[in-house]
Every structure is written in structure tokens, then in C-alpha cells.
Amino acid sequence: MTKRGWWFGGVMVLGALLLPFWAEYAREPFVLDVIIRLMILAIAASSLNLILGYSGMVSLGHAVFIGIGAYAVGIPAYYDLNNGWLQLAVALGASGLFGLLTGLICLRTRGAYFIMITLAFAQMMYFIFVSIEEYGGDDGLVIYARSEMGLGVDLNDDNQLYFLVLICLLAVMMLVHRLTRSDFGQVIKSIKINEVRMQALGYSTFRYRLVCYVISAMICGLSGWLLGNFTGFISPEMMDWTRSGELIAMVLLGGAATVVGPLLGAGIFIGVETLLPEVTLYWHLYLGILLIIVAKFGRGGLLGWWTQWFRGTRS
């Protein structure tokens, strides 16, 4: 990252730290809610970007891990188990285990077959939770109490929840940054380019892709844990295939195979979803047009466009 990029990132972090105080001063709590949701979805999009952007695995069932993470909050809370660390451990463990078991099957396929089998597993989980009437079935489950974290942290305070989500987002972005620049990350990116050559060099490409898939699942489970606490309501709708499609749109809009791209894509998606409905009922149309333009002319997403423009102005 360039020096100017570090300065820009620092300004953005400073602005994020000051936002809750501004929202309280301006009496705009809705803005804080929008940004919290944006950051949670950015975490989920970053997890998908790890396998889509860097590894070339297009999953149409990735939102299932959001649902697993959210139900890891809701089901224990249903039995008055509100320990946040326990719920977080369940969210990460269950997401990682489901990612491991499904990955052992999914990663033996390629292309459209991989897309369809990830979709199939996600829809299986969707209909399983729809059929469990004990936890609300299709009507969903209300979470009456947010996770209890101890250490003086009260997630019932929206400001504290905001800072927790912000810390998680920065940690995930740093993890992706370090992971993709490590030896492991270089192997993953090389597998995307030419898997046969990497196998010829002696690398177990299946294991590398499986580990990457499990890490991605656990990060997405973290976003589900945060989302369950934020919304106070969970339902099988969270893991529907359309939610996975939205995550793919965020990655492609912002810029795949970049650390900041999913955050930018989530910001654009939430911005369009929040602002355009006040102007027109057909806001999905404009989002679709934007996606078509980016897919046709901007292979690096909007972040890639900005980078090319910035380099052009410097030259």
C-alpha cells in the first residue's frame, strides 16, 4: 500500500471512531444502525472474497454461514444461555465444521458444479431450519437479550456494539491482508492461476483450498454472530441463496482480490438499498445496471477503476 493509501485508511478509521459521537450529537441513531449493518456485511463479503477473489471459488451458498453464526446466538439465548464467548465459540466452531464437511465434497468439483453444490448444501440447511418449529421455523426467532461479554462490555449499548463490530472488521481485514501475502496466500493465488502446475510442483492443492474454505466459513460465521446480536431477530431467510448473491455483488462491485474492495462494495450496496427506495420502488433495477457496467467494463470493480484513474492522473 502506498503512503497516500495509508493516510486515506487512517482518516477513514478516525472517521469511523468519531461516528458514534457525531450520531449522538446530531441525534441520528439510524445512521449508526446503517453503518453497523454495513460493517457486518463487509465482514461477510470479505470472507467470500477470500475464496472467490483470491481462490477462484464461486460459492452461491456462502450466506449459510451467516445463518449458522446467527443461530449460534439465537438457540443458546432461547435456553437463557447468553454467554457471548460461548455463543461466539459455537458460531466459529459450527461454521468451521460445516465448512469442513461440505468442503470435503464441494471442493472435488469445479466451475458450475461447485456453484450448484454449494447452493444445494445451503438450501438444505435453509429448509432444515424452516422445518424446526421449536426455533420459530419460517417465522424466525426473536433474541430478547444480546450476548453477555463481561469485562465491562454491554452490547445492549449500541455504541459499544458499534465499536465491537468495527474492531472485528479491522481484525478481519488485517487477517486477510496478512494471509494473502503469506506463503499460504501465494500458494492459494497460484492455484487459482494454474492448479495443474502447482500440483506438479508437489503442492496438495485440495488441502490448501479446503483450509482456505474453512477459514472463510469461520469469518462468515463471525459476521452471523454479530448480525444476530445486532438485529435481535434471526430466521432461515438469512441463509437463503439470494443473500449469497448479494455478497457476490458486493465483492464484484468493490473489487475482488483486494482487502478494501468488499468494504467498498458493501458500502455501495447498503447506500443504494437505503437511499434509492426513497426515490423509486425500482431501486433493484439501478443496482442491476451498475452491476452490469462493472462486470462488463471494470474487471477490478470500482476500486480498480479508481486505482487506474489515480495512476493516470499521476502520469
C-alpha atoms as a PDB file:
ATOM      1  CA  MET A   1       0.000   0.000   0.000  1.00  0.00           C
ATOM      2  CA  THR A   2       1.252   3.471  -0.866  1.00  0.00           C
ATOM      3  CA  LYS A   3       1.871   6.225   1.663  1.00  0.00           C
ATOM      4  CA  ARG A   4      -1.209   8.051   0.428  1.00  0.00           C
ATOM      5  CA  GLY A   5      -3.207   4.828   0.850  1.00  0.00           C
ATOM      6  CA  TRP A   6      -2.121   4.560   4.483  1.00  0.00           C
ATOM      7  CA  TRP A   7      -3.121   8.183   5.066  1.00  0.00           C
ATOM      8  CA  PHE A   8      -6.513   7.573   3.486  1.00  0.00           C
ATOM      9  CA  GLY A   9      -7.013   4.448   5.602  1.00  0.00           C
ATOM     10  CA  GLY A  10      -6.039   6.332   8.742  1.00  0.00           C
ATOM     11  CA  VAL A  11      -8.536   9.094   8.007  1.00  0.00           C
ATOM     12  CA  MET A  12     -11.284   6.515   7.401  1.00  0.00           C
ATOM     13  CA  VAL A  13     -10.535   4.745  10.701  1.00  0.00           C
ATOM     14  CA  LEU A  14     -10.519   8.072  12.553  1.00  0.00           C
ATOM     15  CA  GLY A  15     -13.858   8.956  10.982  1.00  0.00           C
ATOM     16  CA  ALA A  16     -15.260   5.563  11.997  1.00  0.00           C
ATOM     17  CA  LEU A  17     -14.097   6.113  15.590  1.00  0.00           C
ATOM     18  CA  LEU A  18     -15.768   9.530  15.749  1.00  0.00           C
ATOM     19  CA  LEU A  19     -19.018   8.494  14.030  1.00  0.00           C
ATOM     20  CA  PRO A  20     -20.917   7.334  17.167  1.00  0.00           C
ATOM     21  CA  PHE A  21     -20.208  10.638  18.904  1.00  0.00           C
ATOM     22  CA  TRP A  22     -21.440  12.571  15.863  1.00  0.00           C
ATOM     23  CA  ALA A  23     -24.557  10.401  15.593  1.00  0.00           C
ATOM     24  CA  GLU A  24     -25.365  11.043  19.246  1.00  0.00           C
ATOM     25  CA  TYR A  25     -24.737  14.777  18.899  1.00  0.00           C
ATOM     26  CA  ALA A  26     -26.813  15.027  15.698  1.00  0.00           C
ATOM     27  CA  ARG A  27     -29.494  12.713  17.130  1.00  0.00           C
ATOM     28  CA  GLU A  28     -29.208  10.396  14.136  1.00  0.00           C
ATOM     29  CA  PRO A  29     -29.212   6.861  15.610  1.00  0.00           C
ATOM     30  CA  PHE A  30     -30.418   5.479  12.271  1.00  0.00           C
ATOM     31  CA  VAL A  31     -27.061   6.374  10.710  1.00  0.00           C
ATOM     32  CA  LEU A  32     -25.281   4.300  13.345  1.00  0.00           C
ATOM     33  CA  ASP A  33     -27.555   1.320  12.630  1.00  0.00           C
ATOM     34  CA  VAL A  34     -26.865   1.584   8.894  1.00  0.00           C
ATOM     35  CA  ILE A  35     -23.089   1.671   9.411  1.00  0.00           C
ATOM     36  CA  ILE A  36     -23.192  -1.288  11.808  1.00  0.00           C
ATOM     37  CA  ARG A  37     -25.072  -3.346   9.226  1.00  0.00           C
ATOM     38  CA  LEU A  38     -22.669  -2.176   6.531  1.00  0.00           C
ATOM     39  CA  MET A  39     -19.630  -3.319   8.526  1.00  0.00           C
ATOM     40  CA  ILE A  40     -21.183  -6.700   9.362  1.00  0.00           C
ATOM     41  CA  LEU A  41     -21.921  -7.351   5.694  1.00  0.00           C
ATOM     42  CA  ALA A  42     -18.403  -6.164   4.823  1.00  0.00           C
ATOM     43  CA  ILE A  43     -17.030  -8.900   7.103  1.00  0.00           C
ATOM     44  CA  ALA A  44     -19.202 -11.491   5.347  1.00  0.00           C
ATOM     45  CA  ALA A  45     -18.172 -10.153   1.923  1.00  0.00           C
ATOM     46  CA  SER A  46     -14.503 -10.263   2.958  1.00  0.00           C
ATOM     47  CA  SER A  47     -14.894 -13.931   3.869  1.00  0.00           C
ATOM     48  CA  LEU A  48     -16.408 -14.669   0.460  1.00  0.00           C
ATOM     49  CA  ASN A  49     -13.692 -12.637  -1.236  1.00  0.00           C
ATOM     50  CA  LEU A  50     -11.116 -14.928   0.327  1.00  0.00           C
ATOM     51  CA  ILE A  51     -12.401 -17.890  -1.689  1.00  0.00           C
ATOM     52  CA  LEU A  52     -13.880 -16.027  -4.663  1.00  0.00           C
ATOM     53  CA  GLY A  53     -11.360 -13.296  -5.341  1.00  0.00           C
ATOM     54  CA  TYR A  54      -8.152 -14.957  -4.227  1.00  0.00           C
ATOM     55  CA  SER A  55      -9.009 -18.622  -4.781  1.00  0.00           C
ATOM     56  CA  GLY A  56     -11.415 -18.508  -7.716  1.00  0.00           C
ATOM     57  CA  MET A  57     -14.188 -20.461  -5.952  1.00  0.00           C
ATOM     58  CA  VAL A  58     -17.631 -19.005  -6.677  1.00  0.00           C
ATOM     59  CA  SER A  59     -19.978 -20.045  -3.868  1.00  0.00           C
ATOM     60  CA  LEU A  60     -23.700 -19.423  -4.181  1.00  0.00           C
ATOM     61  CA  GLY A  61     -24.328 -20.765  -0.694  1.00  0.00           C
ATOM     62  CA  HIS A  62     -21.960 -18.711   1.409  1.00  0.00           C
ATOM     63  CA  ALA A  63     -24.756 -16.995   3.343  1.00  0.00           C
ATOM     64  CA  VAL A  64     -25.419 -20.308   5.096  1.00  0.00           C
ATOM     65  CA  PHE A  65     -22.523 -19.466   7.411  1.00  0.00           C
ATOM     66  CA  ILE A  66     -24.182 -16.164   8.317  1.00  0.00           C
ATOM     67  CA  GLY A  67     -27.258 -18.145   9.314  1.00  0.00           C
ATOM     68  CA  ILE A  68     -25.220 -20.642  11.324  1.00  0.00           C
ATOM     69  CA  GLY A  69     -23.487 -17.819  13.184  1.00  0.00           C
ATOM     70  CA  ALA A  70     -26.784 -16.065  13.865  1.00  0.00           C
ATOM     71  CA  TYR A  71     -28.475 -19.216  15.160  1.00  0.00           C
ATOM     72  CA  ALA A  72     -25.438 -19.763  17.402  1.00  0.00           C
ATOM     73  CA  VAL A  73     -26.700 -16.671  19.205  1.00  0.00           C
ATOM     74  CA  GLY A  74     -30.424 -17.350  18.999  1.00  0.00           C
ATOM     75  CA  ILE A  75     -30.592 -21.002  20.035  1.00  0.00           C
ATOM     76  CA  PRO A  76     -28.479 -20.664  23.220  1.00  0.00           C
ATOM     77  CA  ALA A  77     -30.357 -17.442  24.084  1.00  0.00           C
ATOM     78  CA  TYR A  78     -33.617 -19.408  23.694  1.00  0.00           C
ATOM     79  CA  TYR A  79     -32.396 -21.544  26.618  1.00  0.00           C
ATOM     80  CA  ASP A  80     -31.184 -18.464  28.554  1.00  0.00           C
ATOM     81  CA  LEU A  81     -27.528 -19.145  27.727  1.00  0.00           C
ATOM     82  CA  ASN A  82     -26.388 -15.614  26.977  1.00  0.00           C
ATOM     83  CA  ASN A  83     -22.645 -16.022  27.472  1.00  0.00           C
ATOM     84  CA  GLY A  84     -21.217 -14.225  24.453  1.00  0.00           C
ATOM     85  CA  TRP A  85     -17.921 -16.091  24.437  1.00  0.00           C
ATOM     86  CA  LEU A  86     -19.764 -19.428  24.430  1.00  0.00           C
ATOM     87  CA  GLN A  87     -22.008 -18.256  21.597  1.00  0.00           C
ATOM     88  CA  LEU A  88     -19.003 -16.984  19.637  1.00  0.00           C
ATOM     89  CA  ALA A  89     -17.192 -20.296  20.101  1.00  0.00           C
ATOM     90  CA  VAL A  90     -20.283 -22.156  18.862  1.00  0.00           C
ATOM     91  CA  ALA A  91     -20.596 -19.806  15.870  1.00  0.00           C
ATOM     92  CA  LEU A  92     -16.971 -20.232  14.827  1.00  0.00           C
ATOM     93  CA  GLY A  93     -16.870 -23.959  15.587  1.00  0.00           C
ATOM     94  CA  ALA A  94     -20.160 -24.811  13.870  1.00  0.00           C
ATOM     95  CA  SER A  95     -19.315 -22.696  10.817  1.00  0.00           C
ATOM     96  CA  GLY A  96     -15.841 -24.203  10.563  1.00  0.00           C
ATOM     97  CA  LEU A  97     -17.160 -27.756  10.973  1.00  0.00           C
ATOM     98  CA  PHE A  98     -19.904 -27.271   8.383  1.00  0.00           C
ATOM     99  CA  GLY A  99     -17.345 -25.700   6.064  1.00  0.00           C
ATOM    100  CA  LEU A 100     -15.005 -28.645   6.562  1.00  0.00           C
ATOM    101  CA  LEU A 101     -17.644 -31.316   5.971  1.00  0.00           C
ATOM    102  CA  THR A 102     -19.186 -29.640   2.937  1.00  0.00           C
ATOM    103  CA  GLY A 103     -15.799 -28.549   1.622  1.00  0.00           C
ATOM    104  CA  LEU A 104     -14.633 -32.161   1.501  1.00  0.00           C
ATOM    105  CA  ILE A 105     -17.393 -32.721  -1.057  1.00  0.00           C
ATOM    106  CA  CYS A 106     -17.724 -29.339  -2.776  1.00  0.00           C
ATOM    107  CA  LEU A 107     -14.030 -28.860  -3.476  1.00  0.00           C
ATOM    108  CA  ARG A 108     -13.875 -32.056  -5.509  1.00  0.00           C
ATOM    109  CA  THR A 109     -15.933 -30.260  -8.150  1.00  0.00           C
ATOM    110  CA  ARG A 110     -15.190 -27.285 -10.394  1.00  0.00           C
ATOM    111  CA  GLY A 111     -16.990 -24.449 -12.133  1.00  0.00           C
ATOM    112  CA  ALA A 112     -20.767 -24.658 -12.382  1.00  0.00           C
ATOM    113  CA  TYR A 113     -20.805 -27.928 -10.418  1.00  0.00           C
ATOM    114  CA  PHE A 114     -19.116 -26.219  -7.457  1.00  0.00           C
ATOM    115  CA  ILE A 115     -21.607 -23.346  -7.630  1.00  0.00           C
ATOM    116  CA  MET A 116     -24.585 -25.706  -7.674  1.00  0.00           C
ATOM    117  CA  ILE A 117     -23.378 -27.993  -4.903  1.00  0.00           C
ATOM    118  CA  THR A 118     -22.686 -25.086  -2.548  1.00  0.00           C
ATOM    119  CA  LEU A 119     -26.167 -23.805  -3.362  1.00  0.00           C
ATOM    120  CA  ALA A 120     -27.608 -27.258  -2.649  1.00  0.00           C
ATOM    121  CA  PHE A 121     -25.987 -27.505   0.802  1.00  0.00           C
ATOM    122  CA  ALA A 122     -27.134 -24.001   1.700  1.00  0.00           C
ATOM    123  CA  GLN A 123     -30.720 -24.702   0.662  1.00  0.00           C
ATOM    124  CA  MET A 124     -30.650 -27.953   2.630  1.00  0.00           C
ATOM    125  CA  MET A 125     -29.767 -26.001   5.788  1.00  0.00           C
ATOM    126  CA  TYR A 126     -32.379 -23.392   4.907  1.00  0.00           C
ATOM    127  CA  PHE A 127     -35.174 -25.965   4.744  1.00  0.00           C
ATOM    128  CA  ILE A 128     -33.902 -27.754   7.855  1.00  0.00           C
ATOM    129  CA  PHE A 129     -34.274 -24.574   9.921  1.00  0.00           C
ATOM    130  CA  VAL A 130     -37.609 -23.796   8.276  1.00  0.00           C
ATOM    131  CA  SER A 131     -38.872 -27.181   9.469  1.00  0.00           C
ATOM    132  CA  ILE A 132     -37.744 -26.754  13.104  1.00  0.00           C
ATOM    133  CA  GLU A 133     -40.835 -25.237  14.711  1.00  0.00           C
ATOM    134  CA  GLU A 134     -39.159 -25.159  18.133  1.00  0.00           C
ATOM    135  CA  TYR A 135     -36.957 -22.289  16.932  1.00  0.00           C
ATOM    136  CA  GLY A 136     -39.654 -20.419  15.042  1.00  0.00           C
ATOM    137  CA  GLY A 137     -39.458 -22.222  11.723  1.00  0.00           C
ATOM    138  CA  ASP A 138     -40.130 -19.902   8.814  1.00  0.00           C
ATOM    139  CA  ASP A 139     -41.333 -17.161  11.199  1.00  0.00           C
ATOM    140  CA  GLY A 140     -37.913 -16.815  12.768  1.00  0.00           C
ATOM    141  CA  LEU A 141     -36.744 -16.466  16.351  1.00  0.00           C
ATOM    142  CA  VAL A 142     -36.622 -13.330  18.500  1.00  0.00           C
ATOM    143  CA  ILE A 143     -33.466 -12.770  20.573  1.00  0.00           C
ATOM    144  CA  TYR A 144     -34.550 -10.937  23.714  1.00  0.00           C
ATOM    145  CA  ALA A 145     -31.073 -10.400  25.151  1.00  0.00           C
ATOM    146  CA  ARG A 146     -27.794  -9.683  23.397  1.00  0.00           C
ATOM    147  CA  SER A 147     -24.661 -11.623  24.210  1.00  0.00           C
ATOM    148  CA  GLU A 148     -23.085 -11.022  27.607  1.00  0.00           C
ATOM    149  CA  MET A 149     -19.366 -10.454  27.075  1.00  0.00           C
ATOM    150  CA  GLY A 150     -18.297  -9.398  30.564  1.00  0.00           C
ATOM    151  CA  LEU A 151     -15.192  -7.236  31.021  1.00  0.00           C
ATOM    152  CA  GLY A 152     -17.425  -4.180  31.271  1.00  0.00           C
ATOM    153  CA  VAL A 153     -18.770  -4.657  27.732  1.00  0.00           C
ATOM    154  CA  ASP A 154     -22.524  -4.147  27.328  1.00  0.00           C
ATOM    155  CA  LEU A 155     -23.734  -4.966  23.826  1.00  0.00           C
ATOM    156  CA  ASN A 156     -27.168  -3.579  24.671  1.00  0.00           C
ATOM    157  CA  ASP A 157     -25.470  -0.214  24.257  1.00  0.00           C
ATOM    158  CA  ASP A 158     -25.459   0.431  20.501  1.00  0.00           C
ATOM    159  CA  ASN A 159     -22.243   2.453  20.754  1.00  0.00           C
ATOM    160  CA  GLN A 160     -20.397  -0.469  22.345  1.00  0.00           C
ATOM    161  CA  LEU A 161     -21.825  -2.866  19.778  1.00  0.00           C
ATOM    162  CA  TYR A 162     -20.647  -0.480  17.055  1.00  0.00           C
ATOM    163  CA  PHE A 163     -17.077  -0.465  18.362  1.00  0.00           C
ATOM    164  CA  LEU A 164     -17.090  -4.271  18.707  1.00  0.00           C
ATOM    165  CA  VAL A 165     -18.181  -4.624  15.060  1.00  0.00           C
ATOM    166  CA  LEU A 166     -15.561  -2.065  13.998  1.00  0.00           C
ATOM    167  CA  ILE A 167     -12.806  -3.964  15.833  1.00  0.00           C
ATOM    168  CA  CYS A 168     -13.929  -7.234  14.226  1.00  0.00           C
ATOM    169  CA  LEU A 169     -13.958  -5.622  10.763  1.00  0.00           C
ATOM    170  CA  LEU A 170     -10.459  -4.191  11.151  1.00  0.00           C
ATOM    171  CA  ALA A 171      -9.207  -7.527  12.525  1.00  0.00           C
ATOM    172  CA  VAL A 172     -10.707  -9.432   9.575  1.00  0.00           C
ATOM    173  CA  MET A 173      -9.242  -7.006   7.051  1.00  0.00           C
ATOM    174  CA  MET A 174      -5.831  -7.298   8.695  1.00  0.00           C
ATOM    175  CA  LEU A 175      -6.141 -11.100   8.722  1.00  0.00           C
ATOM    176  CA  VAL A 176      -6.996 -11.180   5.018  1.00  0.00           C
ATOM    177  CA  HIS A 177      -4.137  -8.768   4.285  1.00  0.00           C
ATOM    178  CA  ARG A 178      -1.577 -10.877   6.150  1.00  0.00           C
ATOM    179  CA  LEU A 179      -2.984 -14.207   4.987  1.00  0.00           C
ATOM    180  CA  THR A 180      -2.998 -13.351   1.287  1.00  0.00           C
ATOM    181  CA  ARG A 181       0.562 -12.058   1.475  1.00  0.00           C
ATOM    182  CA  SER A 182       1.885 -15.090   3.343  1.00  0.00           C
ATOM    183  CA  ASP A 183       3.319 -18.215   1.727  1.00  0.00           C
ATOM    184  CA  PHE A 184      -0.100 -19.824   2.156  1.00  0.00           C
ATOM    185  CA  GLY A 185      -1.747 -16.951   0.319  1.00  0.00           C
ATOM    186  CA  GLN A 186       0.751 -17.080  -2.512  1.00  0.00           C
ATOM    187  CA  VAL A 187       0.015 -20.774  -2.991  1.00  0.00           C
ATOM    188  CA  ILE A 188      -3.748 -20.127  -2.997  1.00  0.00           C
ATOM    189  CA  LYS A 189      -3.418 -17.385  -5.604  1.00  0.00           C
ATOM    190  CA  SER A 190      -1.142 -19.580  -7.704  1.00  0.00           C
ATOM    191  CA  ILE A 191      -3.676 -22.412  -7.564  1.00  0.00           C
ATOM    192  CA  LYS A 192      -6.282 -20.029  -8.961  1.00  0.00           C
ATOM    193  CA  ILE A 193      -3.986 -19.225 -11.888  1.00  0.00           C
ATOM    194  CA  ASN A 194      -2.744 -22.739 -12.679  1.00  0.00           C
ATOM    195  CA  GLU A 195      -3.719 -25.587 -10.375  1.00  0.00           C
ATOM    196  CA  VAL A 196      -2.110 -28.286 -12.530  1.00  0.00           C
ATOM    197  CA  ARG A 197       1.278 -26.613 -12.329  1.00  0.00           C
ATOM    198  CA  MET A 198       1.028 -26.283  -8.537  1.00  0.00           C
ATOM    199  CA  GLN A 199       0.206 -29.987  -8.297  1.00  0.00           C
ATOM    200  CA  ALA A 200       3.226 -30.748 -10.472  1.00  0.00           C
ATOM    201  CA  LEU A 201       5.354 -28.749  -8.024  1.00  0.00           C
ATOM    202  CA  GLY A 202       4.221 -31.061  -5.226  1.00  0.00           C
ATOM    203  CA  TYR A 203       1.541 -28.949  -3.533  1.00  0.00           C
ATOM    204  CA  SER A 204      -1.594 -30.623  -2.221  1.00  0.00           C
ATOM    205  CA  THR A 205      -3.947 -28.125  -3.824  1.00  0.00           C
ATOM    206  CA  PHE A 206      -7.046 -29.773  -2.364  1.00  0.00           C
ATOM    207  CA  ARG A 207      -5.785 -29.277   1.205  1.00  0.00           C
ATOM    208  CA  TYR A 208      -4.848 -25.654   0.591  1.00  0.00           C
ATOM    209  CA  ARG A 209      -8.244 -24.893  -0.909  1.00  0.00           C
ATOM    210  CA  LEU A 210     -10.009 -26.735   1.919  1.00  0.00           C
ATOM    211  CA  VAL A 211      -8.155 -24.777   4.610  1.00  0.00           C
ATOM    212  CA  CYS A 212      -8.972 -21.541   2.799  1.00  0.00           C
ATOM    213  CA  TYR A 213     -12.627 -22.565   2.571  1.00  0.00           C
ATOM    214  CA  VAL A 214     -12.833 -23.365   6.306  1.00  0.00           C
ATOM    215  CA  ILE A 215     -11.184 -20.053   7.276  1.00  0.00           C
ATOM    216  CA  SER A 216     -13.663 -18.238   5.048  1.00  0.00           C
ATOM    217  CA  ALA A 217     -16.570 -20.106   6.653  1.00  0.00           C
ATOM    218  CA  MET A 218     -15.443 -19.172  10.167  1.00  0.00           C
ATOM    219  CA  ILE A 219     -15.063 -15.490   9.277  1.00  0.00           C
ATOM    220  CA  CYS A 220     -18.556 -15.533   7.807  1.00  0.00           C
ATOM    221  CA  GLY A 221     -19.808 -17.248  10.976  1.00  0.00           C
ATOM    222  CA  LEU A 222     -18.370 -14.323  12.933  1.00  0.00           C
ATOM    223  CA  SER A 223     -20.440 -11.921  10.835  1.00  0.00           C
ATOM    224  CA  GLY A 224     -23.525 -14.033  11.573  1.00  0.00           C
ATOM    225  CA  TRP A 225     -22.833 -13.846  15.316  1.00  0.00           C
ATOM    226  CA  LEU A 226     -22.596 -10.071  15.069  1.00  0.00           C
ATOM    227  CA  LEU A 227     -25.711  -9.850  12.889  1.00  0.00           C
ATOM    228  CA  GLY A 228     -27.754 -11.934  15.330  1.00  0.00           C
ATOM    229  CA  ASN A 229     -26.810  -9.588  18.156  1.00  0.00           C
ATOM    230  CA  PHE A 230     -27.489  -6.525  16.051  1.00  0.00           C
ATOM    231  CA  THR A 231     -30.905  -7.443  14.653  1.00  0.00           C
ATOM    232  CA  GLY A 232     -32.266  -9.262  17.698  1.00  0.00           C
ATOM    233  CA  PHE A 233     -34.140 -11.483  15.274  1.00  0.00           C
ATOM    234  CA  ILE A 234     -32.989 -14.432  13.188  1.00  0.00           C
ATOM    235  CA  SER A 235     -34.697 -16.518  10.524  1.00  0.00           C
ATOM    236  CA  PRO A 236     -33.804 -19.055   7.827  1.00  0.00           C
ATOM    237  CA  GLU A 237     -34.083 -16.151   5.358  1.00  0.00           C
ATOM    238  CA  MET A 238     -30.555 -15.157   6.426  1.00  0.00           C
ATOM    239  CA  MET A 239     -29.105 -18.190   4.664  1.00  0.00           C
ATOM    240  CA  ASP A 240     -31.226 -18.077   1.511  1.00  0.00           C
ATOM    241  CA  TRP A 241     -29.335 -18.185  -1.790  1.00  0.00           C
ATOM    242  CA  THR A 242     -30.365 -14.605  -2.595  1.00  0.00           C
ATOM    243  CA  ARG A 243     -28.274 -13.408   0.352  1.00  0.00           C
ATOM    244  CA  SER A 244     -25.281 -15.229  -1.118  1.00  0.00           C
ATOM    245  CA  GLY A 245     -25.953 -13.465  -4.406  1.00  0.00           C
ATOM    246  CA  GLU A 246     -25.867 -10.129  -2.592  1.00  0.00           C
ATOM    247  CA  LEU A 247     -22.472 -10.987  -1.090  1.00  0.00           C
ATOM    248  CA  ILE A 248     -21.138 -11.839  -4.564  1.00  0.00           C
ATOM    249  CA  ALA A 249     -22.465  -8.494  -5.817  1.00  0.00           C
ATOM    250  CA  MET A 250     -20.636  -6.668  -3.017  1.00  0.00           C
ATOM    251  CA  VAL A 251     -17.341  -8.379  -3.815  1.00  0.00           C
ATOM    252  CA  LEU A 252     -17.617  -7.689  -7.532  1.00  0.00           C
ATOM    253  CA  LEU A 253     -18.779  -4.095  -7.071  1.00  0.00           C
ATOM    254  CA  GLY A 254     -15.944  -3.139  -4.748  1.00  0.00           C
ATOM    255  CA  GLY A 255     -13.208  -5.214  -6.313  1.00  0.00           C
ATOM    256  CA  ALA A 256     -12.384  -8.901  -5.938  1.00  0.00           C
ATOM    257  CA  ALA A 257      -8.960  -9.984  -4.669  1.00  0.00           C
ATOM    258  CA  THR A 258      -8.493  -6.735  -2.740  1.00  0.00           C
ATOM    259  CA  VAL A 259      -8.675  -6.130   1.003  1.00  0.00           C
ATOM    260  CA  VAL A 260     -10.727  -2.934   0.802  1.00  0.00           C
ATOM    261  CA  GLY A 261     -12.961  -3.993  -2.113  1.00  0.00           C
ATOM    262  CA  PRO A 262     -15.598  -5.897  -0.082  1.00  0.00           C
ATOM    263  CA  LEU A 263     -15.949  -2.947   2.310  1.00  0.00           C
ATOM    264  CA  LEU A 264     -16.419  -0.566  -0.619  1.00  0.00           C
ATOM    265  CA  GLY A 265     -18.887  -2.949  -2.265  1.00  0.00           C
ATOM    266  CA  ALA A 266     -20.880  -3.327   0.952  1.00  0.00           C
ATOM    267  CA  GLY A 267     -20.968   0.453   1.297  1.00  0.00           C
ATOM    268  CA  ILE A 268     -22.299   0.887  -2.238  1.00  0.00           C
ATOM    269  CA  PHE A 269     -24.878  -1.872  -1.793  1.00  0.00           C
ATOM    270  CA  ILE A 270     -26.157  -0.520   1.543  1.00  0.00           C
ATOM    271  CA  GLY A 271     -26.113   3.019   0.179  1.00  0.00           C
ATOM    272  CA  VAL A 272     -28.236   2.049  -2.823  1.00  0.00           C
ATOM    273  CA  GLU A 273     -30.549  -0.087  -0.662  1.00  0.00           C
ATOM    274  CA  THR A 274     -31.013   2.731   1.866  1.00  0.00           C
ATOM    275  CA  LEU A 275     -31.233   5.851  -0.303  1.00  0.00           C
ATOM    276  CA  LEU A 276     -32.808   4.833  -3.610  1.00  0.00           C
ATOM    277  CA  PRO A 277     -36.069   3.397  -2.144  1.00  0.00           C
ATOM    278  CA  GLU A 278     -36.881   6.960  -1.070  1.00  0.00           C
ATOM    279  CA  VAL A 279     -36.753   7.956  -4.736  1.00  0.00           C
ATOM    280  CA  THR A 280     -38.098   4.907  -6.565  1.00  0.00           C
ATOM    281  CA  LEU A 281     -39.558   1.489  -5.850  1.00  0.00           C
ATOM    282  CA  TYR A 282     -37.414   0.019  -8.619  1.00  0.00           C
ATOM    283  CA  TRP A 283     -34.046   0.547  -6.946  1.00  0.00           C
ATOM    284  CA  HIS A 284     -33.043  -3.025  -7.789  1.00  0.00           C
ATOM    285  CA  LEU A 285     -33.072  -2.004 -11.447  1.00  0.00           C
ATOM    286  CA  TYR A 286     -30.389   0.634 -10.911  1.00  0.00           C
ATOM    287  CA  LEU A 287     -28.316  -1.740  -8.824  1.00  0.00           C
ATOM    288  CA  GLY A 288     -28.543  -4.297 -11.625  1.00  0.00           C
ATOM    289  CA  ILE A 289     -27.458  -1.728 -14.207  1.00  0.00           C
ATOM    290  CA  LEU A 290     -24.475  -0.801 -12.046  1.00  0.00           C
ATOM    291  CA  LEU A 291     -23.514  -4.471 -11.709  1.00  0.00           C
ATOM    292  CA  ILE A 292     -23.724  -4.957 -15.479  1.00  0.00           C
ATOM    293  CA  ILE A 293     -21.490  -1.940 -16.085  1.00  0.00           C
ATOM    294  CA  VAL A 294     -18.915  -3.106 -13.542  1.00  0.00           C
ATOM    295  CA  ALA A 295     -18.949  -6.697 -14.856  1.00  0.00           C
ATOM    296  CA  LYS A 296     -18.592  -5.522 -18.458  1.00  0.00           C
ATOM    297  CA  PHE A 297     -16.071  -2.719 -18.147  1.00  0.00           C
ATOM    298  CA  GLY A 298     -14.481  -2.917 -14.714  1.00  0.00           C
ATOM    299  CA  ARG A 299     -12.801  -6.237 -14.021  1.00  0.00           C
ATOM    300  CA  GLY A 300     -11.234  -4.797 -10.876  1.00  0.00           C
ATOM    301  CA  GLY A 301     -14.508  -3.356  -9.616  1.00  0.00           C
ATOM    302  CA  LEU A 302     -14.940   0.275  -8.637  1.00  0.00           C
ATOM    303  CA  LEU A 303     -11.731   0.116  -6.610  1.00  0.00           C
ATOM    304  CA  GLY A 304      -9.886  -0.968  -9.760  1.00  0.00           C
ATOM    305  CA  TRP A 305     -11.398   1.947 -11.689  1.00  0.00           C
ATOM    306  CA  TRP A 306     -10.307   4.386  -9.002  1.00  0.00           C
ATOM    307  CA  THR A 307      -6.776   2.932  -8.947  1.00  0.00           C
ATOM    308  CA  GLN A 308      -6.453   3.207 -12.733  1.00  0.00           C
ATOM    309  CA  TRP A 309      -7.762   6.796 -12.683  1.00  0.00           C
ATOM    310  CA  PHE A 310      -5.349   7.736  -9.884  1.00  0.00           C
ATOM    311  CA  ARG A 311      -2.382   6.265 -11.753  1.00  0.00           C
ATOM    312  CA  GLY A 312      -3.484   8.078 -14.893  1.00  0.00           C
ATOM    313  CA  THR A 313      -3.573  11.431 -13.119  1.00  0.00           C
ATOM    314  CA  ARG A 314      -0.102  10.873 -11.671  1.00  0.00           C
ATOM    315  CA  SER A 315       1.364  10.008 -15.063  1.00  0.00           C
END
